[in-house]
Protein backbone atom coordinates (compact mmCIF):
# COMPACT_ATOMS: atom_id res chain seq x y z
CA MET A 1 61.12 132.38 -63.01
CA THR A 2 57.90 131.95 -64.96
CA ALA A 3 54.21 132.34 -64.27
CA ALA A 4 52.21 129.34 -63.09
CA ALA A 5 50.23 129.25 -66.33
CA GLU A 6 53.44 128.98 -68.35
CA ARG A 7 54.77 126.25 -66.06
CA ARG A 8 51.56 124.27 -66.51
CA ARG A 9 51.92 124.61 -70.28
CA VAL A 10 55.39 123.05 -70.35
CA ALA A 11 54.79 120.34 -67.71
CA LEU A 12 56.00 116.94 -68.91
CA PRO A 13 53.37 114.34 -69.90
CA HIS A 14 53.00 111.50 -67.39
CA GLU A 15 51.47 108.37 -68.95
CA ARG A 16 50.21 105.50 -66.80
CA ASN A 17 51.05 102.06 -68.14
CA ALA A 18 49.01 98.86 -67.90
CA ASP A 19 51.35 97.52 -65.18
CA GLY A 20 50.73 100.58 -63.00
CA THR A 21 54.07 102.25 -63.70
CA VAL A 22 54.30 105.78 -65.05
CA THR A 23 56.31 106.90 -68.08
CA ILE A 24 57.47 110.52 -68.29
CA ARG A 25 58.07 111.95 -71.77
CA ALA A 26 60.75 114.61 -72.19
CA PHE A 27 61.88 116.58 -75.25
CA GLU A 28 58.77 115.57 -77.23
CA GLY A 29 59.51 111.87 -76.77
CA ALA A 30 63.28 111.96 -77.29
CA ILE A 31 63.78 110.66 -73.73
CA LEU A 32 61.33 108.38 -71.91
CA SER A 33 61.66 107.59 -68.21
CA ARG A 34 59.58 104.78 -66.72
CA VAL A 35 59.34 105.03 -62.94
CA LEU A 36 59.88 101.57 -61.45
CA PRO A 37 59.68 100.41 -57.81
CA ALA A 38 62.96 101.21 -56.10
CA PRO A 39 64.91 98.26 -54.66
CA ALA A 40 65.71 98.31 -50.95
CA GLY A 41 68.33 100.90 -50.13
CA ARG A 42 67.84 102.92 -53.30
CA ALA A 43 66.23 106.33 -53.70
CA PHE A 44 64.66 105.69 -57.11
CA ASN A 45 64.72 103.28 -60.04
CA PHE A 46 64.09 104.43 -63.63
CA GLU A 47 64.12 102.71 -66.98
CA VAL A 48 65.43 105.44 -69.27
CA ILE A 49 65.13 105.22 -73.06
CA PHE A 50 67.03 107.61 -75.32
CA PHE A 51 66.22 108.06 -79.01
CA PRO A 52 69.53 109.57 -80.21
CA ASN A 53 68.25 110.36 -83.70
CA HIS A 54 65.20 112.23 -82.48
CA PRO A 55 65.41 115.83 -83.78
CA ARG A 56 65.34 117.24 -80.25
CA LEU A 57 68.40 115.25 -79.19
CA ARG A 58 70.28 115.85 -82.42
CA GLN A 59 70.04 119.61 -81.91
CA LEU A 60 71.63 119.41 -78.45
CA PRO A 61 75.34 119.28 -77.65
CA SER A 62 76.62 115.71 -77.92
CA LYS A 63 77.46 115.64 -74.22
CA PRO A 64 75.57 117.02 -71.20
CA PRO A 65 77.48 119.05 -68.59
CA GLU A 66 79.71 117.18 -66.15
CA HIS A 67 78.52 117.07 -62.56
CA PHE A 68 78.91 115.12 -59.32
CA HIS A 69 76.84 113.88 -56.38
CA PRO A 70 78.59 114.18 -53.00
CA LEU A 71 76.07 112.13 -51.00
CA GLN A 72 74.86 109.36 -53.31
CA GLU A 73 76.30 106.62 -55.46
CA GLU A 74 74.59 106.21 -58.82
CA TYR A 75 74.06 102.90 -60.62
CA VAL A 76 73.68 102.25 -64.35
CA SER A 77 73.08 99.11 -66.42
CA VAL A 78 72.22 98.88 -70.12
CA SER A 79 69.54 96.65 -71.65
CA GLU A 80 69.67 97.86 -75.27
CA GLY A 81 72.14 99.82 -77.37
CA ALA A 82 75.32 101.39 -76.03
CA LEU A 83 75.61 104.07 -73.35
CA ALA A 84 78.69 106.19 -72.73
CA VAL A 85 79.54 106.86 -69.10
CA GLU A 86 82.30 109.44 -68.80
CA VAL A 87 84.06 109.45 -65.42
CA GLU A 88 86.78 112.01 -64.70
CA GLY A 89 87.28 112.47 -68.43
CA ILE A 90 87.54 108.75 -69.25
CA GLU A 91 84.75 107.32 -71.42
CA HIS A 92 83.36 103.86 -70.64
CA ILE A 93 80.95 102.20 -73.09
CA LEU A 94 78.25 100.07 -71.45
CA ARG A 95 76.34 97.41 -73.39
CA PRO A 96 73.73 94.76 -72.56
CA GLY A 97 75.22 92.05 -70.38
CA ASP A 98 77.81 94.30 -68.77
CA PRO A 99 77.72 94.40 -64.96
CA GLU A 100 76.06 97.31 -63.23
CA PHE A 101 78.31 100.37 -63.37
CA VAL A 102 78.78 102.18 -60.06
CA LEU A 103 79.41 105.92 -60.00
CA GLN A 104 81.05 106.62 -56.67
CA ARG A 105 80.11 109.62 -54.58
CA GLY A 106 81.88 112.77 -55.64
CA VAL A 107 83.19 111.62 -59.04
CA ASN A 108 82.73 113.98 -61.98
CA HIS A 109 80.67 112.24 -64.64
CA ARG A 110 78.06 112.43 -67.38
CA LEU A 111 75.95 109.94 -69.34
CA TYR A 112 74.97 110.00 -73.01
CA PRO A 113 74.19 107.59 -75.87
CA ALA A 114 77.44 106.23 -77.27
CA PRO A 115 78.31 108.01 -80.51
CA GLN A 116 78.06 106.21 -83.84
CA ASN A 117 79.45 107.23 -87.18
CA GLU A 118 77.28 109.61 -89.20
CA LYS A 119 76.29 107.00 -91.81
CA GLU A 120 75.05 104.56 -89.16
CA SER A 121 73.14 107.31 -87.39
CA GLN A 122 71.36 108.53 -90.51
CA ASN A 123 70.40 105.01 -91.58
CA ASP A 124 68.90 104.04 -88.22
CA LYS A 125 66.05 106.40 -87.41
CA SER A 126 64.61 104.03 -84.77
CA ARG A 127 67.87 103.60 -82.85
CA LYS A 128 67.40 103.66 -79.09
CA VAL A 129 69.45 103.20 -75.96
CA SER A 130 67.77 101.72 -72.87
CA CYS A 131 69.24 101.64 -69.39
CA LEU A 132 68.30 101.24 -65.74
CA LEU A 133 69.30 104.20 -63.60
CA SER A 134 69.14 104.33 -59.80
CA ALA A 135 70.93 105.87 -56.82
CA GLU A 136 71.54 104.91 -53.24
CA GLY A 137 69.17 106.11 -50.57
CA THR A 138 70.25 108.89 -48.25
CA SER A 139 68.96 110.51 -45.08
CA SER A 140 69.35 113.93 -46.71
CA LEU A 141 66.14 115.37 -48.14
CA PHE A 142 68.15 117.27 -50.75
CA ALA A 143 68.78 114.21 -52.88
CA LEU A 144 68.57 112.62 -56.30
CA ASP A 145 65.00 111.38 -56.53
CA LEU A 146 61.84 111.65 -58.62
CA VAL A 147 61.03 115.14 -57.34
CA PHE A 148 64.41 116.42 -58.54
CA PHE A 149 64.25 114.70 -61.93
CA GLU A 150 60.70 115.88 -62.66
CA ASN A 151 61.67 119.50 -62.05
CA TRP A 152 65.09 119.39 -63.71
CA TYR A 153 63.86 117.73 -66.90
CA THR A 154 60.83 120.00 -67.12
CA TYR A 155 63.07 123.03 -66.79
CA GLN A 156 65.23 121.67 -69.60
CA GLU A 157 62.05 121.16 -71.64
CA GLN A 158 61.17 124.80 -71.09
CA VAL A 159 64.57 125.84 -72.45
CA VAL A 160 65.08 123.32 -75.27
CA VAL A 161 61.54 122.95 -76.61
CA HIS A 162 59.86 126.23 -75.65
CA GLY A 163 62.79 128.59 -76.09
CA ALA A 164 63.16 129.96 -72.57
CA LYS A 165 66.52 131.51 -71.72
CA LEU A 166 68.75 129.31 -69.56
CA ASN A 167 69.19 130.82 -66.10
CA LEU A 168 72.25 129.58 -64.23
CA ILE A 169 70.88 130.55 -60.81
CA GLN A 170 67.75 128.47 -61.47
CA VAL A 171 69.93 125.54 -62.56
CA MET A 172 72.06 125.83 -59.42
CA ALA A 173 68.95 126.01 -57.21
CA MET A 174 67.60 122.78 -58.69
CA PHE A 175 70.97 121.01 -58.69
CA ASP A 176 71.69 121.90 -55.06
CA ALA A 177 68.31 120.46 -54.04
CA GLY A 178 69.14 117.24 -55.93
CA ASP A 179 72.59 116.47 -54.49
CA SER A 180 74.07 117.61 -57.80
CA TYR A 181 76.78 120.16 -58.51
CA LEU A 182 78.34 121.30 -61.78
CA THR A 183 81.96 120.33 -62.45
CA LEU A 184 84.26 123.34 -62.52
CA PRO A 185 87.40 123.51 -64.73
CA TRP A 186 90.31 121.34 -63.56
CA TYR A 187 92.58 124.30 -62.87
CA ILE A 188 90.35 125.75 -60.14
CA PRO A 189 91.77 124.83 -56.70
CA MET A 190 89.48 122.59 -54.61
CA ARG A 191 86.99 122.67 -57.48
CA SER A 192 84.49 120.23 -55.93
CA LEU A 193 84.34 122.20 -52.69
CA MET A 194 84.06 125.45 -54.62
CA SER A 195 81.22 124.05 -56.71
CA ARG A 196 79.27 122.98 -53.62
CA VAL A 197 79.80 126.37 -51.98
CA MET A 198 78.63 128.14 -55.14
CA GLY A 199 75.59 125.85 -55.37
CA ILE A 200 74.58 126.63 -51.80
CA VAL A 201 75.37 130.36 -51.87
CA PHE A 202 73.99 131.19 -55.33
CA GLY A 203 71.44 128.42 -55.77
CA ARG A 204 70.02 127.96 -52.29
CA TRP A 205 70.54 131.33 -50.60
CA ILE A 206 70.71 134.07 -53.23
CA GLY A 207 68.41 132.15 -55.56
CA SER A 208 65.77 131.84 -52.84
CA LEU A 209 65.98 135.55 -52.06
CA LEU A 210 65.44 136.28 -55.76
CA GLY A 211 62.45 133.93 -55.95
CA TYR A 212 64.02 130.90 -57.64
CA GLN A 213 62.49 127.70 -56.32
CA PRO A 214 64.16 124.27 -56.47
CA PHE A 215 60.76 122.67 -57.14
CA TYR A 216 57.50 123.87 -58.66
CA LYS A 217 54.01 122.59 -57.92
CA GLU A 218 53.05 122.41 -61.59
CA TRP A 219 55.99 120.08 -62.31
CA THR A 220 55.90 117.85 -59.23
CA THR A 221 53.92 114.68 -58.60
CA ASP A 222 54.61 114.48 -54.85
CA TRP A 223 54.25 118.12 -53.84
CA ASP A 224 54.07 117.29 -50.12
CA LEU A 225 57.55 115.76 -50.30
CA ALA A 226 58.83 118.78 -52.23
CA CYS A 227 57.42 121.05 -49.50
CA GLU A 228 59.05 118.92 -46.81
CA LYS A 229 62.38 119.35 -48.58
CA MET A 230 62.04 123.12 -48.92
CA GLU A 231 60.94 123.50 -45.30
CA THR A 232 64.41 122.35 -44.18
CA CYS A 233 65.88 125.60 -45.55
CA MET A 234 64.81 128.82 -43.83
CA LEU A 235 64.97 130.82 -47.06
CA GLN A 236 62.92 128.28 -49.03
CA ARG A 237 60.10 127.81 -46.53
CA ARG A 238 58.07 130.55 -48.18
CA PHE A 239 57.83 128.37 -51.32
CA SER A 240 56.17 125.57 -49.34
CA ASP A 241 52.42 125.90 -49.82
CA ARG A 242 50.76 122.53 -49.37
CA LYS A 243 47.35 124.05 -50.16
CA LYS A 244 48.50 125.52 -53.45
CA VAL A 245 46.41 124.31 -56.37
CA ALA A 246 48.03 123.84 -59.78
């Protein structure tokens, strides 16, 4: 939890393009996300550009944490470079011209720029990986969408760029509100069910009682939608303030 002034300070830049789309800059430009019109039946549509040799990405672990989405399929296609899509521990490399890759509901996965050898990486400072990322629409308000991504990436910005301490309850609160749950170790019985239960109990219920919000006004473009989402949970209704001014 941070003060509103601090949240405003770390809010991600939103840049309007000539075609009317908006590009969101994360990690000081290491990741760019252009918000595109979503096709019918999809919750969102982003053009995501990674700059793997950007200092902010090079200082991070090579792979993000595994996770899964129980309610939504996710779709990925690559337009430039090579993207690794790891599904249940098996790495698939996507390149331009490959068909759209479908991540089924509930599969454990993660996405990251495909690794290159050290010599290639050092000699190519402008290397980038571009992909289209979208997910199926769902009737659930707690879903993968722009509201979730704005808040999750801004929270990561606060940790990676501004040095805030990672708080697992805050992460679980945001993930639960975005149809996302962390993958538990393989040896835990019914690990997917356990992860969802933990996300709801610690992220949604205990987190709300402790003051951890899934969404923050200072980080959210469509605050009315964020409020509508939080109003579906009795413990999160107190965070819904449609008159709040950033």
